[in-house]
Amino acid sequence: MQAKKVSEDPDLLLSQIGLRVMKRRQELGLTQKELGDRLGITSTNIYRIEYGQQNLTVRTLIKLAEALDTTAADLFVG
């Protein structure tokens, strides 16, 4: 059986983005609450993003990237 491509599995993509968000947040020494405060969302939402449970809009992805001092492309493709 051939493994699914990320483009064929949005849940896998969301999980990978979430892991990149978590890694970058930790590199910056931020808590989920602190990152949420930067974005105007709750720490619960940050948790859901980091664990691939929250669908992301392009706008949210861009705001995340700016708050984490990185690019949306880096969060999207690593």
N, C-alpha and C. Protein backbone atom coordinates (compact mmCIF):
# COMPACT_ATOMS: atom_id res chain seq x y z
N MET A 1 0.84 -1.19 0.00
CA MET A 1 0.00 0.00 0.00
C MET A 1 0.88 1.25 0.00
N GLN A 2 0.58 2.17 -0.86
CA GLN A 2 1.36 3.40 -0.99
C GLN A 2 0.91 4.41 0.06
N ALA A 3 1.87 5.10 0.66
CA ALA A 3 1.55 6.13 1.65
C ALA A 3 0.86 7.30 0.97
N LYS A 4 -0.06 7.90 1.71
CA LYS A 4 -0.76 9.06 1.18
C LYS A 4 0.17 10.26 1.11
N LYS A 5 -0.01 11.06 0.10
CA LYS A 5 0.70 12.33 0.01
C LYS A 5 0.00 13.32 0.94
N VAL A 6 0.78 14.25 1.45
CA VAL A 6 0.21 15.27 2.33
C VAL A 6 -0.94 15.98 1.63
N SER A 7 -0.79 16.24 0.34
CA SER A 7 -1.83 16.96 -0.39
C SER A 7 -3.13 16.16 -0.47
N GLU A 8 -3.04 14.86 -0.24
CA GLU A 8 -4.23 14.01 -0.28
C GLU A 8 -4.86 13.85 1.10
N ASP A 9 -4.20 14.34 2.13
CA ASP A 9 -4.68 14.16 3.49
C ASP A 9 -4.56 15.47 4.27
N PRO A 10 -5.61 16.31 4.23
CA PRO A 10 -5.54 17.60 4.93
C PRO A 10 -5.26 17.46 6.43
N ASP A 11 -5.74 16.38 7.06
CA ASP A 11 -5.49 16.21 8.49
C ASP A 11 -4.00 16.03 8.77
N LEU A 12 -3.32 15.32 7.89
CA LEU A 12 -1.88 15.15 8.03
C LEU A 12 -1.17 16.49 7.89
N LEU A 13 -1.59 17.28 6.93
CA LEU A 13 -1.00 18.61 6.74
C LEU A 13 -1.22 19.49 7.96
N LEU A 14 -2.43 19.49 8.50
CA LEU A 14 -2.71 20.29 9.70
C LEU A 14 -1.85 19.84 10.88
N SER A 15 -1.65 18.54 11.00
CA SER A 15 -0.79 18.01 12.08
C SER A 15 0.65 18.48 11.90
N GLN A 16 1.14 18.45 10.68
CA GLN A 16 2.52 18.87 10.42
C GLN A 16 2.70 20.36 10.67
N ILE A 17 1.73 21.16 10.26
CA ILE A 17 1.79 22.60 10.53
C ILE A 17 1.78 22.82 12.04
N GLY A 18 0.91 22.11 12.73
CA GLY A 18 0.82 22.24 14.18
C GLY A 18 2.12 21.93 14.88
N LEU A 19 2.80 20.88 14.44
CA LEU A 19 4.09 20.53 15.03
C LEU A 19 5.11 21.63 14.78
N ARG A 20 5.08 22.24 13.59
CA ARG A 20 6.02 23.33 13.29
C ARG A 20 5.72 24.56 14.14
N VAL A 21 4.42 24.84 14.36
CA VAL A 21 4.04 25.96 15.23
C VAL A 21 4.54 25.70 16.65
N MET A 22 4.31 24.48 17.15
CA MET A 22 4.74 24.15 18.51
C MET A 22 6.25 24.26 18.65
N LYS A 23 6.98 23.73 17.70
CA LYS A 23 8.44 23.76 17.76
C LYS A 23 8.94 25.21 17.77
N ARG A 24 8.40 26.03 16.89
CA ARG A 24 8.84 27.43 16.81
C ARG A 24 8.46 28.20 18.08
N ARG A 25 7.26 27.95 18.58
CA ARG A 25 6.83 28.61 19.82
C ARG A 25 7.78 28.27 20.96
N GLN A 26 8.15 26.99 21.05
CA GLN A 26 9.06 26.56 22.10
C GLN A 26 10.46 27.14 21.91
N GLU A 27 10.90 27.24 20.66
CA GLU A 27 12.21 27.85 20.38
C GLU A 27 12.24 29.29 20.88
N LEU A 28 11.11 29.98 20.77
CA LEU A 28 11.03 31.38 21.20
C LEU A 28 10.75 31.51 22.70
N GLY A 29 10.53 30.38 23.38
CA GLY A 29 10.27 30.41 24.82
C GLY A 29 8.90 30.96 25.17
N LEU A 30 7.94 30.81 24.27
CA LEU A 30 6.59 31.30 24.51
C LEU A 30 5.69 30.19 25.02
N THR A 31 4.76 30.56 25.90
CA THR A 31 3.72 29.62 26.30
C THR A 31 2.59 29.69 25.27
N GLN A 32 1.69 28.73 25.34
CA GLN A 32 0.53 28.78 24.45
C GLN A 32 -0.29 30.03 24.73
N LYS A 33 -0.39 30.42 25.99
CA LYS A 33 -1.14 31.63 26.34
C LYS A 33 -0.48 32.87 25.75
N GLU A 34 0.83 32.96 25.85
CA GLU A 34 1.54 34.12 25.30
C GLU A 34 1.36 34.22 23.79
N LEU A 35 1.44 33.09 23.10
CA LEU A 35 1.23 33.11 21.66
C LEU A 35 -0.21 33.48 21.35
N GLY A 36 -1.14 32.92 22.10
CA GLY A 36 -2.55 33.27 21.91
C GLY A 36 -2.79 34.75 22.11
N ASP A 37 -2.16 35.33 23.13
CA ASP A 37 -2.29 36.77 23.38
C ASP A 37 -1.79 37.59 22.20
N ARG A 38 -0.70 37.16 21.59
CA ARG A 38 -0.16 37.86 20.42
C ARG A 38 -1.14 37.84 19.25
N LEU A 39 -1.93 36.77 19.18
CA LEU A 39 -2.86 36.59 18.06
C LEU A 39 -4.29 37.02 18.39
N GLY A 40 -4.55 37.27 19.67
CA GLY A 40 -5.91 37.62 20.07
C GLY A 40 -6.84 36.41 20.11
N ILE A 41 -6.26 35.23 20.38
CA ILE A 41 -7.06 34.01 20.50
C ILE A 41 -6.68 33.31 21.81
N THR A 42 -7.46 32.33 22.20
CA THR A 42 -7.21 31.65 23.48
C THR A 42 -6.10 30.61 23.36
N SER A 43 -5.56 30.24 24.51
CA SER A 43 -4.55 29.18 24.54
C SER A 43 -5.16 27.86 24.09
N THR A 44 -6.46 27.69 24.30
CA THR A 44 -7.14 26.48 23.82
C THR A 44 -7.06 26.38 22.31
N ASN A 45 -7.22 27.52 21.63
CA ASN A 45 -7.09 27.53 20.18
C ASN A 45 -5.67 27.19 19.75
N ILE A 46 -4.69 27.71 20.47
CA ILE A 46 -3.29 27.39 20.14
C ILE A 46 -3.06 25.89 20.32
N TYR A 47 -3.57 25.31 21.39
CA TYR A 47 -3.46 23.87 21.62
C TYR A 47 -4.05 23.11 20.43
N ARG A 48 -5.25 23.51 20.01
CA ARG A 48 -5.93 22.83 18.90
C ARG A 48 -5.13 22.96 17.60
N ILE A 49 -4.52 24.11 17.38
CA ILE A 49 -3.69 24.30 16.19
C ILE A 49 -2.47 23.37 16.26
N GLU A 50 -1.81 23.37 17.41
CA GLU A 50 -0.59 22.58 17.56
C GLU A 50 -0.83 21.08 17.43
N TYR A 51 -2.02 20.64 17.76
CA TYR A 51 -2.32 19.22 17.68
C TYR A 51 -3.16 18.86 16.45
N GLY A 52 -3.19 19.78 15.48
CA GLY A 52 -3.84 19.50 14.21
C GLY A 52 -5.35 19.36 14.29
N GLN A 53 -5.95 19.91 15.32
CA GLN A 53 -7.39 19.79 15.51
C GLN A 53 -8.15 21.02 15.04
N GLN A 54 -7.43 22.03 14.61
CA GLN A 54 -8.05 23.30 14.20
C GLN A 54 -7.74 23.57 12.74
N ASN A 55 -8.78 23.71 11.94
CA ASN A 55 -8.56 24.08 10.54
C ASN A 55 -8.06 25.53 10.50
N LEU A 56 -7.12 25.81 9.65
CA LEU A 56 -6.51 27.13 9.59
C LEU A 56 -6.89 27.85 8.30
N THR A 57 -7.21 29.12 8.44
CA THR A 57 -7.38 29.95 7.25
C THR A 57 -6.00 30.49 6.86
N VAL A 58 -5.92 30.99 5.67
CA VAL A 58 -4.68 31.62 5.22
C VAL A 58 -4.35 32.80 6.12
N ARG A 59 -5.35 33.56 6.49
CA ARG A 59 -5.13 34.72 7.37
C ARG A 59 -4.54 34.29 8.71
N THR A 60 -5.08 33.23 9.29
CA THR A 60 -4.56 32.75 10.57
C THR A 60 -3.13 32.24 10.42
N LEU A 61 -2.86 31.54 9.34
CA LEU A 61 -1.51 31.03 9.09
C LEU A 61 -0.52 32.20 8.99
N ILE A 62 -0.90 33.25 8.32
CA ILE A 62 -0.02 34.43 8.18
C ILE A 62 0.18 35.10 9.54
N LYS A 63 -0.90 35.25 10.32
CA LYS A 63 -0.77 35.84 11.65
C LYS A 63 0.13 35.00 12.55
N LEU A 64 -0.03 33.68 12.48
CA LEU A 64 0.83 32.78 13.25
C LEU A 64 2.30 32.98 12.87
N ALA A 65 2.55 33.02 11.58
CA ALA A 65 3.93 33.19 11.10
C ALA A 65 4.51 34.50 11.61
N GLU A 66 3.75 35.58 11.53
CA GLU A 66 4.24 36.88 12.01
C GLU A 66 4.51 36.84 13.51
N ALA A 67 3.61 36.23 14.27
CA ALA A 67 3.78 36.16 15.73
C ALA A 67 4.97 35.29 16.11
N LEU A 68 5.31 34.34 15.24
CA LEU A 68 6.43 33.44 15.52
C LEU A 68 7.71 33.85 14.80
N ASP A 69 7.68 35.04 14.19
CA ASP A 69 8.85 35.58 13.49
C ASP A 69 9.41 34.60 12.46
N THR A 70 8.50 34.08 11.64
CA THR A 70 8.86 33.16 10.56
C THR A 70 7.95 33.46 9.38
N THR A 71 7.94 32.58 8.39
CA THR A 71 7.08 32.80 7.25
C THR A 71 5.98 31.74 7.20
N ALA A 72 4.89 32.07 6.55
CA ALA A 72 3.81 31.11 6.36
C ALA A 72 4.33 29.89 5.59
N ALA A 73 5.21 30.12 4.64
CA ALA A 73 5.78 29.02 3.86
C ALA A 73 6.54 28.06 4.76
N ASP A 74 7.30 28.59 5.71
CA ASP A 74 8.04 27.72 6.63
C ASP A 74 7.09 26.89 7.50
N LEU A 75 5.97 27.46 7.90
CA LEU A 75 5.00 26.70 8.69
C LEU A 75 4.29 25.67 7.82
N PHE A 76 4.10 26.01 6.56
CA PHE A 76 3.35 25.13 5.67
C PHE A 76 4.18 23.95 5.19
N VAL A 77 5.43 24.22 4.79
CA VAL A 77 6.24 23.14 4.21
C VAL A 77 7.45 22.77 5.06
N GLY A 78 7.72 23.53 6.07
CA GLY A 78 8.83 23.18 6.97
C GLY A 78 10.19 23.57 6.47
